[in-house]
């Protein structure tokens, strides 16, 4: 009987916890899903000059084009995050965030960086 009492107490606690947190869980879930974009956008804000200089030195494109690229990245990520969290135009926000991923893949030459790809594959295999 001791184990049944413990299970009953655990179920009661879980039910009460879910009743209290039920309204917040969708917001927390959305925040978890976009957390990488949010972190990257905030990091771009605080490391603006480093990001701009990296793009300028990699592409040899000049200050204006590098600044425009970093601004587009920053604006796209933060706008997408705000739209997802506010539940407005979620489908368009997700398409925009996907576009940012594609843009960064090309801009930072991630697709052709064999070392990065191997590290990503190793990480994904280790998680299985």
N, C-alpha and C. Protein backbone atom coordinates (compact mmCIF):
# COMPACT_ATOMS: atom_id res chain seq x y z
N UNK A 1 0.80 -1.20 0.00
CA UNK A 1 0.00 0.00 0.00
C UNK A 1 0.84 1.26 0.00
N UNK A 2 2.05 1.21 0.51
CA UNK A 2 2.92 2.37 0.60
C UNK A 2 3.25 2.93 -0.77
N UNK A 3 3.46 2.04 -1.73
CA UNK A 3 3.81 2.49 -3.08
C UNK A 3 2.61 3.14 -3.76
N UNK A 4 1.41 2.61 -3.53
CA UNK A 4 0.20 3.20 -4.12
C UNK A 4 -0.07 4.59 -3.55
N UNK A 5 0.18 4.75 -2.25
CA UNK A 5 0.01 6.08 -1.64
C UNK A 5 0.99 7.08 -2.23
N UNK A 6 2.23 6.63 -2.46
CA UNK A 6 3.25 7.51 -3.04
C UNK A 6 2.88 7.90 -4.46
N UNK A 7 2.39 6.94 -5.24
CA UNK A 7 1.98 7.24 -6.62
C UNK A 7 0.77 8.19 -6.64
N UNK A 8 -0.16 7.96 -5.73
CA UNK A 8 -1.32 8.85 -5.66
C UNK A 8 -0.93 10.27 -5.30
N UNK A 9 0.00 10.40 -4.36
CA UNK A 9 0.48 11.72 -3.97
C UNK A 9 1.20 12.40 -5.13
N UNK A 10 2.02 11.63 -5.86
CA UNK A 10 2.74 12.18 -7.01
C UNK A 10 1.77 12.62 -8.10
N UNK A 11 0.73 11.83 -8.36
CA UNK A 11 -0.27 12.20 -9.37
C UNK A 11 -1.04 13.46 -8.95
N UNK A 12 -1.38 13.54 -7.67
CA UNK A 12 -2.08 14.74 -7.18
C UNK A 12 -1.21 15.98 -7.32
N UNK A 13 0.07 15.84 -6.99
CA UNK A 13 1.00 16.97 -7.13
C UNK A 13 1.13 17.38 -8.59
N UNK A 14 1.26 16.38 -9.49
CA UNK A 14 1.39 16.68 -10.93
C UNK A 14 0.14 17.36 -11.46
N UNK A 15 -1.04 16.89 -11.05
CA UNK A 15 -2.29 17.52 -11.48
C UNK A 15 -2.39 18.97 -11.00
N UNK A 16 -2.04 19.20 -9.75
CA UNK A 16 -2.10 20.56 -9.21
C UNK A 16 -1.08 21.46 -9.91
N UNK A 17 0.12 20.93 -10.15
CA UNK A 17 1.16 21.70 -10.84
C UNK A 17 0.71 22.07 -12.25
N UNK A 18 0.14 21.13 -12.97
CA UNK A 18 -0.33 21.41 -14.33
C UNK A 18 -1.49 22.40 -14.35
N UNK A 19 -2.36 22.30 -13.35
CA UNK A 19 -3.46 23.25 -13.28
C UNK A 19 -2.96 24.69 -13.11
N UNK A 20 -1.91 24.85 -12.30
CA UNK A 20 -1.37 26.18 -12.03
C UNK A 20 -0.56 26.69 -13.23
N UNK A 21 0.22 25.83 -13.86
CA UNK A 21 1.15 26.27 -14.92
C UNK A 21 0.61 26.10 -16.33
N UNK A 22 -0.59 25.58 -16.47
CA UNK A 22 -1.14 25.26 -17.78
C UNK A 22 -1.16 26.46 -18.73
N UNK A 23 -1.47 27.63 -18.22
CA UNK A 23 -1.57 28.81 -19.08
C UNK A 23 -0.20 29.34 -19.51
N UNK A 24 0.85 28.99 -18.78
CA UNK A 24 2.19 29.49 -19.09
C UNK A 24 3.00 28.55 -19.97
N UNK A 25 2.64 27.28 -20.00
CA UNK A 25 3.43 26.29 -20.73
C UNK A 25 3.56 26.58 -22.23
N UNK A 26 2.51 27.00 -22.94
CA UNK A 26 2.70 27.32 -24.37
C UNK A 26 3.72 28.43 -24.60
N UNK A 27 3.72 29.43 -23.72
CA UNK A 27 4.67 30.53 -23.87
C UNK A 27 6.10 30.05 -23.61
N UNK A 28 6.26 29.22 -22.60
CA UNK A 28 7.58 28.68 -22.28
C UNK A 28 8.06 27.79 -23.42
N UNK A 29 7.16 26.99 -23.99
CA UNK A 29 7.54 26.12 -25.10
C UNK A 29 7.98 26.95 -26.32
N UNK A 30 7.25 28.00 -26.63
CA UNK A 30 7.64 28.86 -27.76
C UNK A 30 8.98 29.54 -27.49
N UNK A 31 9.20 29.97 -26.26
CA UNK A 31 10.46 30.60 -25.91
C UNK A 31 11.62 29.61 -26.07
N UNK A 32 11.40 28.38 -25.68
CA UNK A 32 12.45 27.36 -25.85
C UNK A 32 12.74 27.12 -27.33
N UNK A 33 11.71 27.12 -28.16
CA UNK A 33 11.90 26.86 -29.59
C UNK A 33 12.67 27.97 -30.29
N UNK A 34 12.48 29.21 -29.88
CA UNK A 34 13.14 30.32 -30.56
C UNK A 34 14.35 30.85 -29.79
N UNK A 35 14.73 30.16 -28.73
CA UNK A 35 15.80 30.67 -27.86
C UNK A 35 17.13 30.87 -28.60
N UNK A 36 17.44 30.00 -29.54
CA UNK A 36 18.69 30.14 -30.29
C UNK A 36 18.68 31.42 -31.13
N UNK A 37 17.55 31.70 -31.77
CA UNK A 37 17.45 32.91 -32.58
C UNK A 37 17.50 34.15 -31.70
N UNK A 38 16.83 34.09 -30.57
CA UNK A 38 16.83 35.21 -29.65
C UNK A 38 18.24 35.50 -29.13
N UNK A 39 18.94 34.44 -28.74
CA UNK A 39 20.32 34.60 -28.25
C UNK A 39 21.22 35.15 -29.34
N UNK A 40 21.09 34.65 -30.55
CA UNK A 40 21.93 35.12 -31.65
C UNK A 40 21.64 36.58 -31.99
N UNK A 41 20.38 36.95 -31.97
CA UNK A 41 20.02 38.34 -32.25
C UNK A 41 20.55 39.29 -31.19
N UNK A 42 20.45 38.90 -29.93
CA UNK A 42 20.97 39.74 -28.85
C UNK A 42 22.49 39.82 -28.92
N UNK A 43 23.13 38.69 -29.24
CA UNK A 43 24.59 38.68 -29.37
C UNK A 43 25.03 39.59 -30.52
N UNK A 44 24.28 39.58 -31.62
CA UNK A 44 24.62 40.47 -32.73
C UNK A 44 24.50 41.93 -32.33
N UNK A 45 23.53 42.24 -31.49
CA UNK A 45 23.37 43.61 -31.02
C UNK A 45 24.60 44.06 -30.24
N UNK A 46 25.06 43.19 -29.33
CA UNK A 46 26.18 43.56 -28.48
C UNK A 46 27.54 43.40 -29.15
N UNK A 47 27.62 42.59 -30.20
CA UNK A 47 28.88 42.38 -30.92
C UNK A 47 28.78 42.91 -32.35
N UNK A 48 28.09 44.00 -32.50
CA UNK A 48 27.83 44.58 -33.82
C UNK A 48 29.12 44.77 -34.61
N UNK A 49 30.09 45.43 -34.03
CA UNK A 49 31.30 45.78 -34.78
C UNK A 49 32.10 44.52 -35.14
N UNK A 50 32.15 43.54 -34.25
CA UNK A 50 32.87 42.30 -34.56
C UNK A 50 32.21 41.55 -35.71
N UNK A 51 30.87 41.48 -35.68
CA UNK A 51 30.14 40.80 -36.75
C UNK A 51 30.35 41.53 -38.08
N UNK A 52 30.23 42.85 -38.05
CA UNK A 52 30.40 43.64 -39.27
C UNK A 52 31.82 43.49 -39.83
N UNK A 53 32.81 43.55 -38.95
CA UNK A 53 34.20 43.41 -39.40
C UNK A 53 34.48 42.02 -39.96
N UNK A 54 33.87 40.99 -39.36
CA UNK A 54 34.06 39.63 -39.87
C UNK A 54 33.49 39.50 -41.29
N UNK A 55 32.27 39.99 -41.48
CA UNK A 55 31.65 39.92 -42.82
C UNK A 55 32.45 40.75 -43.80
N UNK A 56 32.89 41.92 -43.40
CA UNK A 56 33.68 42.78 -44.28
C UNK A 56 34.99 42.10 -44.68
N UNK A 57 35.67 41.48 -43.72
CA UNK A 57 36.95 40.84 -44.05
C UNK A 57 36.75 39.55 -44.85
N UNK A 58 35.66 38.83 -44.59
CA UNK A 58 35.42 37.58 -45.32
C UNK A 58 34.99 37.85 -46.75
N UNK A 59 34.07 38.78 -46.95
CA UNK A 59 33.53 39.07 -48.27
C UNK A 59 34.30 40.17 -49.00
N UNK A 60 35.07 40.98 -48.27
CA UNK A 60 35.71 42.18 -48.84
C UNK A 60 34.67 43.05 -49.53
N UNK A 61 33.59 43.31 -48.81
CA UNK A 61 32.44 43.99 -49.42
C UNK A 61 32.28 45.43 -48.96
N UNK A 62 33.02 45.84 -47.97
CA UNK A 62 32.91 47.21 -47.50
C UNK A 62 32.02 47.33 -46.28
N UNK A 63 32.17 48.46 -45.64
CA UNK A 63 31.50 48.75 -44.38
C UNK A 63 29.98 48.76 -44.54
N UNK A 64 29.47 49.39 -45.58
CA UNK A 64 28.03 49.55 -45.76
C UNK A 64 27.33 48.22 -46.00
N UNK A 65 27.84 47.40 -46.89
CA UNK A 65 27.21 46.12 -47.19
C UNK A 65 27.31 45.17 -45.99
N UNK A 66 28.44 45.18 -45.31
CA UNK A 66 28.60 44.33 -44.12
C UNK A 66 27.63 44.77 -43.02
N UNK A 67 27.49 46.07 -42.84
CA UNK A 67 26.54 46.58 -41.84
C UNK A 67 25.11 46.23 -42.21
N UNK A 68 24.79 46.31 -43.50
CA UNK A 68 23.44 45.95 -43.96
C UNK A 68 23.15 44.48 -43.70
N UNK A 69 24.13 43.63 -43.95
CA UNK A 69 23.94 42.20 -43.71
C UNK A 69 23.71 41.91 -42.23
N UNK A 70 24.51 42.50 -41.37
CA UNK A 70 24.35 42.28 -39.93
C UNK A 70 23.01 42.84 -39.46
N UNK A 71 22.62 43.98 -39.98
CA UNK A 71 21.32 44.57 -39.62
C UNK A 71 20.17 43.68 -40.07
N UNK A 72 20.26 43.14 -41.28
CA UNK A 72 19.22 42.24 -41.79
C UNK A 72 19.12 40.99 -40.91
N UNK A 73 20.26 40.45 -40.53
CA UNK A 73 20.29 39.29 -39.64
C UNK A 73 19.65 39.62 -38.29
N UNK A 74 20.06 40.72 -37.71
CA UNK A 74 19.55 41.15 -36.41
C UNK A 74 18.05 41.39 -36.47
N UNK A 75 17.61 42.16 -37.42
CA UNK A 75 16.20 42.49 -37.56
C UNK A 75 15.36 41.25 -37.86
N UNK A 76 15.84 40.39 -38.75
CA UNK A 76 15.10 39.18 -39.10
C UNK A 76 14.92 38.25 -37.91
N UNK A 77 15.98 38.07 -37.13
CA UNK A 77 15.89 37.17 -36.00
C UNK A 77 15.01 37.72 -34.89
N UNK A 78 15.23 38.95 -34.51
CA UNK A 78 14.45 39.52 -33.41
C UNK A 78 12.98 39.71 -33.78
N UNK A 79 12.71 40.12 -35.02
CA UNK A 79 11.32 40.27 -35.47
C UNK A 79 10.62 38.92 -35.49
N UNK A 80 11.30 37.90 -36.02
CA UNK A 80 10.73 36.56 -36.03
C UNK A 80 10.43 36.06 -34.63
N UNK A 81 11.33 36.31 -33.70
CA UNK A 81 11.12 35.89 -32.31
C UNK A 81 9.92 36.58 -31.69
N UNK A 82 9.82 37.89 -31.90
CA UNK A 82 8.70 38.64 -31.34
C UNK A 82 7.38 38.16 -31.93
N UNK A 83 7.35 37.91 -33.24
CA UNK A 83 6.11 37.44 -33.87
C UNK A 83 5.71 36.06 -33.38
N UNK A 84 6.67 35.16 -33.20
CA UNK A 84 6.35 33.82 -32.70
C UNK A 84 5.84 33.90 -31.27
N UNK A 85 6.51 34.68 -30.43
CA UNK A 85 6.08 34.78 -29.04
C UNK A 85 4.72 35.46 -28.89
N UNK A 86 4.42 36.41 -29.77
CA UNK A 86 3.14 37.11 -29.68
C UNK A 86 2.03 36.38 -30.43
N UNK A 87 2.37 35.28 -31.09
CA UNK A 87 1.42 34.45 -31.84
C UNK A 87 0.78 35.21 -33.00
N UNK A 88 1.51 36.14 -33.57
CA UNK A 88 1.05 36.87 -34.75
C UNK A 88 1.88 36.44 -35.95
N UNK A 89 1.22 36.08 -37.03
CA UNK A 89 1.90 35.71 -38.28
C UNK A 89 2.99 34.66 -38.03
N UNK A 90 2.66 33.64 -37.26
CA UNK A 90 3.65 32.63 -36.85
C UNK A 90 4.23 31.91 -38.07
N UNK A 91 3.38 31.59 -39.03
CA UNK A 91 3.87 30.88 -40.21
C UNK A 91 4.88 31.73 -40.98
N UNK A 92 4.59 32.99 -41.16
CA UNK A 92 5.53 33.88 -41.86
C UNK A 92 6.80 34.10 -41.06
N UNK A 93 6.66 34.17 -39.74
CA UNK A 93 7.84 34.33 -38.88
C UNK A 93 8.75 33.11 -38.99
N UNK A 94 8.16 31.93 -39.02
CA UNK A 94 8.96 30.71 -39.16
C UNK A 94 9.66 30.66 -40.51
N UNK A 95 8.96 31.06 -41.58
CA UNK A 95 9.60 31.14 -42.89
C UNK A 95 10.75 32.14 -42.87
N UNK A 96 10.56 33.26 -42.21
CA UNK A 96 11.61 34.26 -42.09
C UNK A 96 12.82 33.74 -41.33
N UNK A 97 12.58 33.04 -40.23
CA UNK A 97 13.69 32.47 -39.45
C UNK A 97 14.41 31.39 -40.25
N UNK A 98 13.66 30.61 -41.02
CA UNK A 98 14.30 29.63 -41.89
C UNK A 98 15.16 30.32 -42.94
N UNK A 99 14.66 31.44 -43.47
CA UNK A 99 15.44 32.22 -44.43
C UNK A 99 16.73 32.75 -43.82
N UNK A 100 16.67 33.15 -42.56
CA UNK A 100 17.87 33.62 -41.86
C UNK A 100 18.88 32.47 -41.74
N UNK A 101 18.40 31.27 -41.45
CA UNK A 101 19.31 30.12 -41.37
C UNK A 101 19.97 29.89 -42.72
N UNK A 102 19.20 29.94 -43.80
CA UNK A 102 19.76 29.75 -45.14
C UNK A 102 20.77 30.85 -45.47
N UNK A 103 20.43 32.07 -45.14
CA UNK A 103 21.32 33.20 -45.40
C UNK A 103 22.64 33.06 -44.63
N UNK A 104 22.55 32.67 -43.36
CA UNK A 104 23.76 32.49 -42.56
C UNK A 104 24.60 31.32 -43.06
N UNK A 105 23.95 30.27 -43.52
CA UNK A 105 24.68 29.12 -44.06
C UNK A 105 25.53 29.53 -45.25
N UNK A 106 24.98 30.36 -46.10
CA UNK A 106 25.73 30.83 -47.27
C UNK A 106 26.76 31.88 -46.87
N UNK A 107 26.35 32.84 -46.05
CA UNK A 107 27.23 33.96 -45.70
C UNK A 107 28.45 33.54 -44.90
N UNK A 108 28.26 32.63 -43.98
CA UNK A 108 29.37 32.20 -43.13
C UNK A 108 30.07 30.97 -43.67
N UNK A 109 29.73 30.56 -44.88
CA UNK A 109 30.34 29.40 -45.57
C UNK A 109 30.28 28.14 -44.71
N UNK A 110 29.18 27.97 -44.02
CA UNK A 110 29.02 26.80 -43.17
C UNK A 110 28.84 25.54 -44.01
N UNK A 111 28.16 25.68 -45.12
CA UNK A 111 27.86 24.52 -45.96
C UNK A 111 29.13 23.86 -46.49
N UNK A 112 30.15 24.65 -46.74
CA UNK A 112 31.38 24.11 -47.33
C UNK A 112 32.49 23.90 -46.30
N UNK A 113 32.21 24.18 -45.04
CA UNK A 113 33.20 24.01 -43.97
C UNK A 113 33.12 22.57 -43.47
N UNK A 114 34.04 21.74 -43.94
CA UNK A 114 34.02 20.32 -43.62
C UNK A 114 34.19 20.08 -42.12
N UNK A 115 35.04 20.87 -41.47
CA UNK A 115 35.26 20.71 -40.03
C UNK A 115 33.97 20.97 -39.26
N UNK A 116 33.23 22.02 -39.62
CA UNK A 116 31.96 22.34 -38.96
C UNK A 116 30.94 21.23 -39.19
N UNK A 117 30.86 20.74 -40.44
CA UNK A 117 29.90 19.69 -40.74
C UNK A 117 30.20 18.39 -39.99
N UNK A 118 31.48 18.04 -39.90
CA UNK A 118 31.84 16.83 -39.17
C UNK A 118 31.55 16.97 -37.68
N UNK A 119 31.79 18.14 -37.12
CA UNK A 119 31.51 18.38 -35.71
C UNK A 119 30.01 18.29 -35.47
N UNK A 120 29.20 18.82 -36.40
CA UNK A 120 27.75 18.76 -36.26
C UNK A 120 27.25 17.32 -36.38
N UNK A 121 27.82 16.57 -37.30
CA UNK A 121 27.43 15.16 -37.44
C UNK A 121 27.81 14.37 -36.20
N UNK A 122 28.99 14.62 -35.66
CA UNK A 122 29.43 13.91 -34.47
C UNK A 122 28.51 14.22 -33.30
N UNK A 123 28.11 15.48 -33.18
CA UNK A 123 27.21 15.87 -32.10
C UNK A 123 25.85 15.21 -32.25
N UNK A 124 25.32 15.19 -33.47
CA UNK A 124 24.00 14.58 -33.66
C UNK A 124 24.04 13.06 -33.45
N UNK A 125 25.14 12.42 -33.83
CA UNK A 125 25.25 10.97 -33.59
C UNK A 125 25.42 10.67 -32.10
N UNK A 126 26.11 11.54 -31.39
CA UNK A 126 26.33 11.32 -29.96
C UNK A 126 25.03 11.45 -29.17
N UNK A 127 24.09 12.23 -29.68
CA UNK A 127 22.84 12.44 -28.98
C UNK A 127 21.89 11.27 -29.15
N UNK A 128 22.15 10.39 -30.08
CA UNK A 128 21.24 9.26 -30.31
C UNK A 128 21.45 8.19 -29.34
